[in-house]
Amino acid sequence: MASVETLAATFNYRGSITVFTGEGGLPAVRLASPSSAASTTVYLHGAHVASWTDGGGTSLLYMSPTAVYNGKKALRGGIPLCWPQFGPGELPQHGFARTSAWTLTATADEADALSATFALGSSPDTRAAGFAAAWVLTYTVRLAKAGGALSLRLAAAVAAGSPPASITAALHTYFAIESAAGVTVEGLCGLTYRDSADGGREHTEAADAVTVGAAEVDRVYLDAPSTLTLERGASAGAVVMRTKDFPDAVVWNAYVDKTAALADKPDDDWRRYVCLEAVSVKMPVVVEGGEEWVGEVTLESVPSE
């Protein structure tokens, strides 16, 4: 991997885009709007979005204060990138993209937005893990300069002549909240969901707004709408999540016991986050050789009225 100094010389833009050495000595890139308080930070380890602040200065992502920055373990919080597997399966939990060293390939300072693009390719290690396809992932993080909307584009291209790639994926976003009580997710009523807190049984969502904070919530909502709204609590505003080709959604809060079992998260921090995730998991996507799959997510902060 190129040094931080080399990356900075190639990719920095004065006053807006900075490559720097982050926690644990890991390289990271920060996009900071010159015209508002909007910013985002992305680590090359896992192409992991570790912070996002909107144009008004509100910090919207939860990062665990005890996250491990050793270049091996996935970072706890922010936006882990789960690919080519979401959850357990034949590959390591949530796949290997979130624990791999990505390459920064481009940055841009445009009239209305800043962006950084990262790449990860197949290797002998990924083939040895049982994922035979030859592939390249491209991940672009784009920050609007004014309001600070965050756009994420993940593209998986499989090489011509390669075995096909069967993938599930997620952008596993941890949203920061002041208190789990009063937080709701809107737009899921009437959907079928798989309830991991109930042994994976399927249920139909009857509530107009899904709540967290009273018990463990770990649900995969199937065939979710492309627009969902997270109400962050009284007077805390909302985040609107818009997706393309992520057909499912997850709502997760580990609550008391499971949070206590996580070494990289303080016991009481279940109160401080909720995950609303863009997911493709109901049906694996099969990408043939010479083809590409693209999934997109846009997160927009809406201040309280």
C-alpha atoms as a PDB file:
ATOM      1  CA  MET A   1       0.000   0.000   0.000  1.00  0.00           C
ATOM      2  CA  ALA A   2       1.220   3.504  -0.825  1.00  0.00           C
ATOM      3  CA  SER A   3       2.264   5.710   2.086  1.00  0.00           C
ATOM      4  CA  VAL A   4      -0.051   8.382   3.449  1.00  0.00           C
ATOM      5  CA  GLU A   5       2.376  11.004   2.159  1.00  0.00           C
ATOM      6  CA  THR A   6       2.231   9.573  -1.362  1.00  0.00           C
ATOM      7  CA  LEU A   7      -1.554   9.334  -1.272  1.00  0.00           C
ATOM      8  CA  ALA A   8      -1.830  12.899   0.005  1.00  0.00           C
ATOM      9  CA  ALA A   9       0.412  14.209  -2.754  1.00  0.00           C
ATOM     10  CA  THR A  10      -1.796  12.523  -5.352  1.00  0.00           C
ATOM     11  CA  PHE A  11      -5.305  12.934  -3.968  1.00  0.00           C
ATOM     12  CA  ASN A  12      -5.467  15.983  -1.674  1.00  0.00           C
ATOM     13  CA  TYR A  13      -7.412  19.100  -2.627  1.00  0.00           C
ATOM     14  CA  ARG A  14      -6.480  22.145  -0.609  1.00  0.00           C
ATOM     15  CA  GLY A  15      -9.260  23.082   1.794  1.00  0.00           C
ATOM     16  CA  SER A  16     -11.584  20.187   0.978  1.00  0.00           C
ATOM     17  CA  ILE A  17     -10.014  16.710   0.649  1.00  0.00           C
ATOM     18  CA  THR A  18      -7.271  15.424   2.946  1.00  0.00           C
ATOM     19  CA  VAL A  19      -5.566  12.048   3.209  1.00  0.00           C
ATOM     20  CA  PHE A  20      -4.266  11.536   6.745  1.00  0.00           C
ATOM     21  CA  THR A  21      -3.178   8.956   9.294  1.00  0.00           C
ATOM     22  CA  GLY A  22      -6.173   7.988  11.403  1.00  0.00           C
ATOM     23  CA  GLU A  23      -6.727   5.882  14.499  1.00  0.00           C
ATOM     24  CA  GLY A  24      -4.329   2.976  14.895  1.00  0.00           C
ATOM     25  CA  GLY A  25      -2.101   4.438  12.180  1.00  0.00           C
ATOM     26  CA  LEU A  26      -4.611   3.478   9.496  1.00  0.00           C
ATOM     27  CA  PRO A  27      -4.833   5.695   6.380  1.00  0.00           C
ATOM     28  CA  ALA A  28      -8.055   7.634   5.898  1.00  0.00           C
ATOM     29  CA  VAL A  29      -9.470  10.368   3.691  1.00  0.00           C
ATOM     30  CA  ARG A  30     -11.617  13.265   4.873  1.00  0.00           C
ATOM     31  CA  LEU A  31     -14.028  15.174   2.663  1.00  0.00           C
ATOM     32  CA  ALA A  32     -14.909  18.570   4.187  1.00  0.00           C
ATOM     33  CA  SER A  33     -17.143  21.096   2.470  1.00  0.00           C
ATOM     34  CA  PRO A  34     -15.587  24.568   2.160  1.00  0.00           C
ATOM     35  CA  SER A  35     -19.064  26.146   2.208  1.00  0.00           C
ATOM     36  CA  SER A  36     -20.827  24.342   5.110  1.00  0.00           C
ATOM     37  CA  ALA A  37     -20.104  22.110   8.097  1.00  0.00           C
ATOM     38  CA  ALA A  38     -20.638  18.944   6.019  1.00  0.00           C
ATOM     39  CA  SER A  39     -17.893  16.317   6.207  1.00  0.00           C
ATOM     40  CA  THR A  40     -17.214  12.600   6.053  1.00  0.00           C
ATOM     41  CA  THR A  41     -14.223  10.404   6.878  1.00  0.00           C
ATOM     42  CA  VAL A  42     -13.471   7.088   5.176  1.00  0.00           C
ATOM     43  CA  TYR A  43     -10.802   4.597   6.255  1.00  0.00           C
ATOM     44  CA  LEU A  44      -9.071   2.566   3.558  1.00  0.00           C
ATOM     45  CA  HIS A  45      -9.415  -0.428   5.870  1.00  0.00           C
ATOM     46  CA  GLY A  46     -12.764  -1.811   4.763  1.00  0.00           C
ATOM     47  CA  ALA A  47     -13.528   1.383   2.772  1.00  0.00           C
ATOM     48  CA  HIS A  48     -15.231   2.162   6.048  1.00  0.00           C
ATOM     49  CA  VAL A  49     -17.193   5.400   6.398  1.00  0.00           C
ATOM     50  CA  ALA A  50     -16.409   6.363   9.990  1.00  0.00           C
ATOM     51  CA  SER A  51     -18.084   9.771  10.246  1.00  0.00           C
ATOM     52  CA  TRP A  52     -20.711  11.881   8.529  1.00  0.00           C
ATOM     53  CA  THR A  53     -21.710  15.394   9.530  1.00  0.00           C
ATOM     54  CA  ASP A  54     -24.451  17.286   7.715  1.00  0.00           C
ATOM     55  CA  GLY A  55     -24.314  20.867   6.484  1.00  0.00           C
ATOM     56  CA  GLY A  56     -25.627  22.173   9.785  1.00  0.00           C
ATOM     57  CA  GLY A  57     -22.948  20.428  11.841  1.00  0.00           C
ATOM     58  CA  THR A  58     -24.953  17.459  13.169  1.00  0.00           C
ATOM     59  CA  SER A  59     -22.888  14.277  13.531  1.00  0.00           C
ATOM     60  CA  LEU A  60     -25.043  11.421  12.281  1.00  0.00           C
ATOM     61  CA  LEU A  61     -23.019   8.211  12.602  1.00  0.00           C
ATOM     62  CA  TYR A  62     -22.203   6.217  15.730  1.00  0.00           C
ATOM     63  CA  MET A  63     -18.642   4.910  16.121  1.00  0.00           C
ATOM     64  CA  SER A  64     -17.851   2.805  19.139  1.00  0.00           C
ATOM     65  CA  PRO A  65     -15.291   4.481  21.403  1.00  0.00           C
ATOM     66  CA  THR A  66     -13.737   1.023  21.866  1.00  0.00           C
ATOM     67  CA  ALA A  67     -13.589   0.076  18.166  1.00  0.00           C
ATOM     68  CA  VAL A  68     -10.407  -1.822  17.282  1.00  0.00           C
ATOM     69  CA  TYR A  69      -8.193  -0.129  14.681  1.00  0.00           C
ATOM     70  CA  ASN A  70      -5.676  -2.909  14.013  1.00  0.00           C
ATOM     71  CA  GLY A  71      -6.124  -3.339  10.258  1.00  0.00           C
ATOM     72  CA  LYS A  72      -7.567  -6.819  10.745  1.00  0.00           C
ATOM     73  CA  LYS A  73     -10.849  -6.548  12.615  1.00  0.00           C
ATOM     74  CA  ALA A  74     -13.878  -4.775  11.143  1.00  0.00           C
ATOM     75  CA  LEU A  75     -14.459  -1.354  12.687  1.00  0.00           C
ATOM     76  CA  ARG A  76     -17.461  -1.175  15.025  1.00  0.00           C
ATOM     77  CA  GLY A  77     -19.861   1.571  13.960  1.00  0.00           C
ATOM     78  CA  GLY A  78     -20.040   3.926  10.998  1.00  0.00           C
ATOM     79  CA  ILE A  79     -20.916   2.141   7.751  1.00  0.00           C
ATOM     80  CA  PRO A  80     -19.360  -1.320   7.455  1.00  0.00           C
ATOM     81  CA  LEU A  81     -19.500  -2.628   3.897  1.00  0.00           C
ATOM     82  CA  CYS A  82     -20.746  -6.236   3.900  1.00  0.00           C
ATOM     83  CA  TRP A  83     -19.811  -8.062   0.678  1.00  0.00           C
ATOM     84  CA  PRO A  84     -20.047 -10.622  -0.936  1.00  0.00           C
ATOM     85  CA  GLN A  85     -21.973 -12.123   1.963  1.00  0.00           C
ATOM     86  CA  PHE A  86     -24.360 -10.567   4.444  1.00  0.00           C
ATOM     87  CA  GLY A  87     -24.502 -12.418   7.746  1.00  0.00           C
ATOM     88  CA  PRO A  88     -23.187 -15.940   8.358  1.00  0.00           C
ATOM     89  CA  GLY A  89     -22.488 -18.443   5.599  1.00  0.00           C
ATOM     90  CA  GLU A  90     -19.661 -20.201   3.791  1.00  0.00           C
ATOM     91  CA  LEU A  91     -17.457 -17.111   3.929  1.00  0.00           C
ATOM     92  CA  PRO A  92     -16.431 -15.191   7.058  1.00  0.00           C
ATOM     93  CA  GLN A  93     -19.266 -13.298   8.784  1.00  0.00           C
ATOM     94  CA  HIS A  94     -20.412 -10.431   6.518  1.00  0.00           C
ATOM     95  CA  GLY A  95     -17.788 -11.304   3.890  1.00  0.00           C
ATOM     96  CA  PHE A  96     -14.271  -9.979   3.483  1.00  0.00           C
ATOM     97  CA  ALA A  97     -14.724  -6.484   2.014  1.00  0.00           C
ATOM     98  CA  ARG A  98     -15.097  -4.884   5.456  1.00  0.00           C
ATOM     99  CA  THR A  99     -11.784  -6.316   6.700  1.00  0.00           C
ATOM    100  CA  SER A 100      -9.689  -5.806   3.543  1.00  0.00           C
ATOM    101  CA  ALA A 101      -7.236  -3.037   2.679  1.00  0.00           C
ATOM    102  CA  TRP A 102      -8.766  -1.021  -0.177  1.00  0.00           C
ATOM    103  CA  THR A 103      -6.979   1.241  -2.630  1.00  0.00           C
ATOM    104  CA  LEU A 104      -7.848   4.918  -2.990  1.00  0.00           C
ATOM    105  CA  THR A 105      -8.113   5.427  -6.746  1.00  0.00           C
ATOM    106  CA  ALA A 106      -9.610   8.900  -7.225  1.00  0.00           C
ATOM    107  CA  THR A 107     -10.846  12.045  -5.515  1.00  0.00           C
ATOM    108  CA  ALA A 108     -12.775  14.972  -6.963  1.00  0.00           C
ATOM    109  CA  ASP A 109     -13.746  18.483  -5.894  1.00  0.00           C
ATOM    110  CA  GLU A 110     -16.718  19.420  -8.064  1.00  0.00           C
ATOM    111  CA  ALA A 111     -18.978  22.456  -8.038  1.00  0.00           C
ATOM    112  CA  ASP A 112     -21.568  20.930  -5.711  1.00  0.00           C
ATOM    113  CA  ALA A 113     -19.912  17.853  -4.195  1.00  0.00           C
ATOM    114  CA  LEU A 114     -16.735  16.145  -3.040  1.00  0.00           C
ATOM    115  CA  SER A 115     -15.999  12.484  -3.711  1.00  0.00           C
ATOM    116  CA  ALA A 116     -13.525   9.693  -3.107  1.00  0.00           C
ATOM    117  CA  THR A 117     -13.405   6.357  -4.935  1.00  0.00           C
ATOM    118  CA  PHE A 118     -11.944   3.127  -3.583  1.00  0.00           C
ATOM    119  CA  ALA A 119     -11.222  -0.231  -5.235  1.00  0.00           C
ATOM    120  CA  LEU A 120     -10.727  -3.828  -4.116  1.00  0.00           C
ATOM    121  CA  GLY A 121      -9.989  -6.831  -6.306  1.00  0.00           C
ATOM    122  CA  SER A 122     -10.058 -10.607  -6.071  1.00  0.00           C
ATOM    123  CA  SER A 123      -6.915 -12.318  -4.866  1.00  0.00           C
ATOM    124  CA  PRO A 124      -5.536 -15.754  -4.019  1.00  0.00           C
ATOM    125  CA  ASP A 125      -6.866 -15.186  -0.491  1.00  0.00           C
ATOM    126  CA  THR A 126     -10.441 -14.575  -1.651  1.00  0.00           C
ATOM    127  CA  ARG A 127     -10.294 -17.624  -3.909  1.00  0.00           C
ATOM    128  CA  ALA A 128      -8.874 -19.721  -1.074  1.00  0.00           C
ATOM    129  CA  ALA A 129     -11.792 -18.568   1.089  1.00  0.00           C
ATOM    130  CA  GLY A 130     -14.134 -20.238  -1.404  1.00  0.00           C
ATOM    131  CA  PHE A 131     -15.163 -17.282  -3.594  1.00  0.00           C
ATOM    132  CA  ALA A 132     -13.952 -18.389  -7.013  1.00  0.00           C
ATOM    133  CA  ALA A 133     -14.951 -15.416  -9.176  1.00  0.00           C
ATOM    134  CA  ALA A 134     -12.490 -12.850 -10.504  1.00  0.00           C
ATOM    135  CA  TRP A 135     -13.909  -9.447  -9.637  1.00  0.00           C
ATOM    136  CA  VAL A 136     -13.275  -5.788  -8.892  1.00  0.00           C
ATOM    137  CA  LEU A 137     -15.287  -3.738  -6.413  1.00  0.00           C
ATOM    138  CA  THR A 138     -15.522   0.024  -6.837  1.00  0.00           C
ATOM    139  CA  TYR A 139     -16.959   2.166  -4.048  1.00  0.00           C
ATOM    140  CA  THR A 140     -17.604   5.889  -4.434  1.00  0.00           C
ATOM    141  CA  VAL A 141     -18.440   8.107  -1.465  1.00  0.00           C
ATOM    142  CA  ARG A 142     -19.911  11.474  -2.453  1.00  0.00           C
ATOM    143  CA  LEU A 143     -20.684  14.385  -0.107  1.00  0.00           C
ATOM    144  CA  ALA A 144     -22.921  17.271  -1.149  1.00  0.00           C
ATOM    145  CA  LYS A 145     -21.262  20.560  -0.244  1.00  0.00           C
ATOM    146  CA  ALA A 146     -24.415  22.382   0.825  1.00  0.00           C
ATOM    147  CA  GLY A 147     -26.711  20.131   2.879  1.00  0.00           C
ATOM    148  CA  GLY A 148     -24.193  17.329   3.237  1.00  0.00           C
ATOM    149  CA  ALA A 149     -26.231  14.507   1.666  1.00  0.00           C
ATOM    150  CA  LEU A 150     -24.078  11.367   1.556  1.00  0.00           C
ATOM    151  CA  SER A 151     -24.247   9.174  -1.548  1.00  0.00           C
ATOM    152  CA  LEU A 152     -22.691   5.703  -1.706  1.00  0.00           C
ATOM    153  CA  ARG A 153     -22.251   3.697  -4.896  1.00  0.00           C
ATOM    154  CA  LEU A 154     -20.982   0.108  -4.816  1.00  0.00           C
ATOM    155  CA  ALA A 155     -20.200  -1.614  -8.131  1.00  0.00           C
ATOM    156  CA  ALA A 156     -19.115  -5.256  -8.475  1.00  0.00           C
ATOM    157  CA  ALA A 157     -17.670  -6.148 -11.901  1.00  0.00           C
ATOM    158  CA  VAL A 158     -16.927  -9.788 -12.700  1.00  0.00           C
ATOM    159  CA  ALA A 159     -14.232 -10.441 -15.291  1.00  0.00           C
ATOM    160  CA  ALA A 160     -15.128 -11.973 -18.645  1.00  0.00           C
ATOM    161  CA  GLY A 161     -14.567 -15.716 -18.554  1.00  0.00           C
ATOM    162  CA  SER A 162     -14.741 -15.821 -14.762  1.00  0.00           C
ATOM    163  CA  PRO A 163     -17.051 -18.124 -12.836  1.00  0.00           C
ATOM    164  CA  PRO A 164     -20.174 -16.228 -11.785  1.00  0.00           C
ATOM    165  CA  ALA A 165     -20.323 -14.418  -8.433  1.00  0.00           C
ATOM    166  CA  SER A 166     -23.300 -15.090  -6.174  1.00  0.00           C
ATOM    167  CA  ILE A 167     -23.540 -12.182  -3.764  1.00  0.00           C
ATOM    168  CA  THR A 168     -25.529 -10.731  -0.921  1.00  0.00           C
ATOM    169  CA  ALA A 169     -24.563  -7.311   0.403  1.00  0.00           C
ATOM    170  CA  ALA A 170     -25.327  -4.563   2.892  1.00  0.00           C
ATOM    171  CA  LEU A 171     -24.324  -1.076   3.884  1.00  0.00           C
ATOM    172  CA  HIS A 172     -24.589  -1.689   7.622  1.00  0.00           C
ATOM    173  CA  THR A 173     -25.157   1.902   8.796  1.00  0.00           C
ATOM    174  CA  TYR A 174     -24.983   2.751  12.507  1.00  0.00           C
ATOM    175  CA  PHE A 175     -26.890   5.989  13.102  1.00  0.00           C
ATOM    176  CA  ALA A 176     -26.104   8.058  16.180  1.00  0.00           C
ATOM    177  CA  ILE A 177     -29.021   8.819  18.490  1.00  0.00           C
ATOM    178  CA  GLU A 178     -29.311  10.536  21.846  1.00  0.00           C
ATOM    179  CA  SER A 179     -31.506   7.784  23.279  1.00  0.00           C
ATOM    180  CA  ALA A 180     -33.052   4.651  21.797  1.00  0.00           C
ATOM    181  CA  ALA A 181     -36.380   5.631  23.345  1.00  0.00           C
ATOM    182  CA  GLY A 182     -38.424   7.623  20.867  1.00  0.00           C
ATOM    183  CA  VAL A 183     -36.500   6.521  17.772  1.00  0.00           C
ATOM    184  CA  THR A 184     -38.655   5.101  14.971  1.00  0.00           C
ATOM    185  CA  VAL A 185     -38.280   3.803  11.425  1.00  0.00           C
ATOM    186  CA  GLU A 186     -41.116   4.643   9.050  1.00  0.00           C
ATOM    187  CA  GLY A 187     -42.082   2.947   5.794  1.00  0.00           C
ATOM    188  CA  LEU A 188     -42.059  -0.730   6.821  1.00  0.00           C
ATOM    189  CA  CYS A 189     -45.692  -1.347   7.738  1.00  0.00           C
ATOM    190  CA  GLY A 190     -47.189  -4.390   5.994  1.00  0.00           C
ATOM    191  CA  LEU A 191     -43.835  -5.926   5.042  1.00  0.00           C
ATOM    192  CA  THR A 192     -42.710  -9.455   5.802  1.00  0.00           C
ATOM    193  CA  TYR A 193     -39.657  -9.588   8.034  1.00  0.00           C
ATOM    194  CA  ARG A 194     -37.325 -12.290   9.295  1.00  0.00           C
ATOM    195  CA  ASP A 195     -36.868 -11.845  13.024  1.00  0.00           C
ATOM    196  CA  SER A 196     -33.422 -13.004  14.126  1.00  0.00           C
ATOM    197  CA  ALA A 197     -34.401 -12.252  17.732  1.00  0.00           C
ATOM    198  CA  ASP A 198     -37.172 -14.841  17.291  1.00  0.00           C
ATOM    199  CA  GLY A 199     -35.156 -17.646  15.717  1.00  0.00           C
ATOM    200  CA  GLY A 200     -35.487 -16.325  12.161  1.00  0.00           C
ATOM    201  CA  ARG A 201     -39.249 -16.719  12.058  1.00  0.00           C
ATOM    202  CA  GLU A 202     -41.147 -14.604   9.561  1.00  0.00           C
ATOM    203  CA  HIS A 203     -43.750 -12.074  10.648  1.00  0.00           C
ATOM    204  CA  THR A 204     -45.734  -9.252   9.079  1.00  0.00           C
ATOM    205  CA  GLU A 205     -45.009  -5.765  10.344  1.00  0.00           C
ATOM    206  CA  ALA A 206     -48.188  -4.261  11.794  1.00  0.00           C
ATOM    207  CA  ALA A 207     -46.756  -1.031  13.190  1.00  0.00           C
ATOM    208  CA  ASP A 208     -46.821   2.223  11.267  1.00  0.00           C
ATOM    209  CA  ALA A 209     -43.467   3.043  12.871  1.00  0.00           C
ATOM    210  CA  VAL A 210     -40.955   0.458  14.096  1.00  0.00           C
ATOM    211  CA  THR A 211     -39.528   1.325  17.527  1.00  0.00           C
ATOM    212  CA  VAL A 212     -36.334   0.326  19.349  1.00  0.00           C
ATOM    213  CA  GLY A 213     -35.189   0.596  22.935  1.00  0.00           C
ATOM    214  CA  ALA A 214     -37.506  -1.847  24.720  1.00  0.00           C
ATOM    215  CA  ALA A 215     -35.941  -5.146  23.598  1.00  0.00           C
ATOM    216  CA  GLU A 216     -33.510  -6.560  21.039  1.00  0.00           C
ATOM    217  CA  VAL A 217     -34.524  -5.682  17.480  1.00  0.00           C
ATOM    218  CA  ASP A 218     -32.871  -7.640  14.643  1.00  0.00           C
ATOM    219  CA  ARG A 219     -35.123  -7.787  11.596  1.00  0.00           C
ATOM    220  CA  VAL A 220     -34.630  -8.234   7.859  1.00  0.00           C
ATOM    221  CA  TYR A 221     -37.500  -6.573   6.008  1.00  0.00           C
ATOM    222  CA  LEU A 222     -38.017  -8.194   2.609  1.00  0.00           C
ATOM    223  CA  ASP A 223     -38.870  -6.222  -0.533  1.00  0.00           C
ATOM    224  CA  ALA A 224     -38.641  -2.918   1.281  1.00  0.00           C
ATOM    225  CA  PRO A 225     -39.544   0.400  -0.365  1.00  0.00           C
ATOM    226  CA  SER A 226     -36.699   2.432  -1.829  1.00  0.00           C
ATOM    227  CA  THR A 227     -37.297   5.280   0.634  1.00  0.00           C
ATOM    228  CA  LEU A 228     -37.295   4.845   4.421  1.00  0.00           C
ATOM    229  CA  THR A 229     -37.172   7.451   7.181  1.00  0.00           C
ATOM    230  CA  LEU A 230     -35.363   7.225  10.498  1.00  0.00           C
ATOM    231  CA  GLU A 231     -36.843   9.603  13.066  1.00  0.00           C
ATOM    232  CA  ARG A 232     -33.929  10.199  15.451  1.00  0.00           C
ATOM    233  CA  GLY A 233     -36.004  11.270  18.456  1.00  0.00           C
ATOM    234  CA  ALA A 234     -37.820  14.334  19.715  1.00  0.00           C
ATOM    235  CA  SER A 235     -36.309  17.516  18.239  1.00  0.00           C
ATOM    236  CA  ALA A 236     -33.403  15.487  16.783  1.00  0.00           C
ATOM    237  CA  GLY A 237     -34.499  15.528  13.154  1.00  0.00           C
ATOM    238  CA  ALA A 238     -34.552  12.608  10.731  1.00  0.00           C
ATOM    239  CA  VAL A 239     -32.499  10.813   8.120  1.00  0.00           C
ATOM    240  CA  VAL A 240     -34.083   9.763   4.837  1.00  0.00           C
ATOM    241  CA  MET A 241     -32.498   6.705   3.201  1.00  0.00           C
ATOM    242  CA  ARG A 242     -33.026   6.211  -0.531  1.00  0.00           C
ATOM    243  CA  THR A 243     -31.781   3.051  -2.209  1.00  0.00           C
ATOM    244  CA  LYS A 244     -31.385   1.533  -5.655  1.00  0.00           C
ATOM    245  CA  ASP A 245     -30.898  -2.224  -6.119  1.00  0.00           C
ATOM    246  CA  PHE A 246     -30.727  -2.859  -2.392  1.00  0.00           C
ATOM    247  CA  PRO A 247     -34.215  -4.416  -2.226  1.00  0.00           C
ATOM    248  CA  ASP A 248     -34.295  -5.306   1.471  1.00  0.00           C
ATOM    249  CA  ALA A 249     -33.687  -3.446   4.742  1.00  0.00           C
ATOM    250  CA  VAL A 250     -32.470  -4.272   8.239  1.00  0.00           C
ATOM    251  CA  VAL A 251     -33.363  -2.619  11.532  1.00  0.00           C
ATOM    252  CA  TRP A 252     -31.012  -3.613  14.344  1.00  0.00           C
ATOM    253  CA  ASN A 253     -30.349  -2.644  17.940  1.00  0.00           C
ATOM    254  CA  ALA A 254     -28.560  -5.268  20.038  1.00  0.00           C
ATOM    255  CA  TYR A 255     -30.096  -4.074  23.346  1.00  0.00           C
ATOM    256  CA  VAL A 256     -28.592  -5.019  26.728  1.00  0.00           C
ATOM    257  CA  ASP A 257     -27.324  -8.607  26.764  1.00  0.00           C
ATOM    258  CA  LYS A 258     -25.876  -8.828  23.260  1.00  0.00           C
ATOM    259  CA  THR A 259     -24.185  -5.442  23.570  1.00  0.00           C
ATOM    260  CA  ALA A 260     -22.547  -6.603  26.796  1.00  0.00           C
ATOM    261  CA  ALA A 261     -21.146  -9.595  24.889  1.00  0.00           C
ATOM    262  CA  LEU A 262     -19.350  -7.338  22.373  1.00  0.00           C
ATOM    263  CA  ALA A 263     -15.807  -6.513  23.443  1.00  0.00           C
ATOM    264  CA  ASP A 264     -15.568  -3.535  21.085  1.00  0.00           C
ATOM    265  CA  LYS A 265     -18.670  -1.683  22.278  1.00  0.00           C
ATOM    266  CA  PRO A 266     -19.384  -0.227  25.758  1.00  0.00           C
ATOM    267  CA  ASP A 267     -22.167  -2.054  27.588  1.00  0.00           C
ATOM    268  CA  ASP A 268     -24.479   0.956  27.699  1.00  0.00           C
ATOM    269  CA  ASP A 269     -24.010   2.037  24.097  1.00  0.00           C
ATOM    270  CA  TRP A 270     -27.060   0.160  22.845  1.00  0.00           C
ATOM    271  CA  ARG A 271     -28.839   3.368  23.835  1.00  0.00           C
ATOM    272  CA  ARG A 272     -26.735   5.445  21.429  1.00  0.00           C
ATOM    273  CA  TYR A 273     -27.281   3.856  18.024  1.00  0.00           C
ATOM    274  CA  VAL A 274     -29.743   2.180  15.722  1.00  0.00           C
ATOM    275  CA  CYS A 275     -28.815   0.425  12.501  1.00  0.00           C
ATOM    276  CA  LEU A 276     -30.953   1.041   9.439  1.00  0.00           C
ATOM    277  CA  GLU A 277     -29.283  -0.894   6.663  1.00  0.00           C
ATOM    278  CA  ALA A 278     -29.633  -1.092   2.897  1.00  0.00           C
ATOM    279  CA  VAL A 279     -29.467  -4.810   2.142  1.00  0.00           C
ATOM    280  CA  SER A 280     -29.684  -7.293  -0.703  1.00  0.00           C
ATOM    281  CA  VAL A 281     -30.233 -10.656   0.979  1.00  0.00           C
ATOM    282  CA  LYS A 282     -33.603 -12.253   0.127  1.00  0.00           C
ATOM    283  CA  MET A 283     -32.305 -13.566  -3.193  1.00  0.00           C
ATOM    284  CA  PRO A 284     -28.562 -13.694  -3.928  1.00  0.00           C
ATOM    285  CA  VAL A 285     -27.612 -11.692  -6.995  1.00  0.00           C
ATOM    286  CA  VAL A 286     -25.735 -13.782  -9.558  1.00  0.00           C
ATOM    287  CA  VAL A 287     -23.288 -11.697 -11.587  1.00  0.00           C
ATOM    288  CA  GLU A 288     -22.041 -13.536 -14.653  1.00  0.00           C
ATOM    289  CA  GLY A 289     -18.603 -13.102 -16.180  1.00  0.00           C
ATOM    290  CA  GLY A 290     -18.392  -9.803 -18.075  1.00  0.00           C
ATOM    291  CA  GLU A 291     -21.310  -8.299 -16.117  1.00  0.00           C
ATOM    292  CA  GLU A 292     -21.661  -5.820 -13.269  1.00  0.00           C
ATOM    293  CA  TRP A 293     -23.961  -5.261 -10.304  1.00  0.00           C
ATOM    294  CA  VAL A 294     -24.442  -1.769  -8.853  1.00  0.00           C
ATOM    295  CA  GLY A 295     -26.141  -0.803  -5.605  1.00  0.00           C
ATOM    296  CA  GLU A 296     -26.663   2.788  -4.468  1.00  0.00           C
ATOM    297  CA  VAL A 297     -27.695   4.526  -1.250  1.00  0.00           C
ATOM    298  CA  THR A 298     -28.278   8.205  -0.530  1.00  0.00           C
ATOM    299  CA  LEU A 299     -28.611   9.468   3.051  1.00  0.00           C
ATOM    300  CA  GLU A 300     -30.089  12.909   3.622  1.00  0.00           C
ATOM    301  CA  SER A 301     -30.380  14.656   6.969  1.00  0.00           C
ATOM    302  CA  VAL A 302     -33.647  16.487   7.679  1.00  0.00           C
ATOM    303  CA  PRO A 303     -33.490  18.964  10.581  1.00  0.00           C
ATOM    304  CA  SER A 304     -36.327  19.034  13.103  1.00  0.00           C
ATOM    305  CA  GLU A 305     -39.002  21.632  12.442  1.00  0.00           C
END
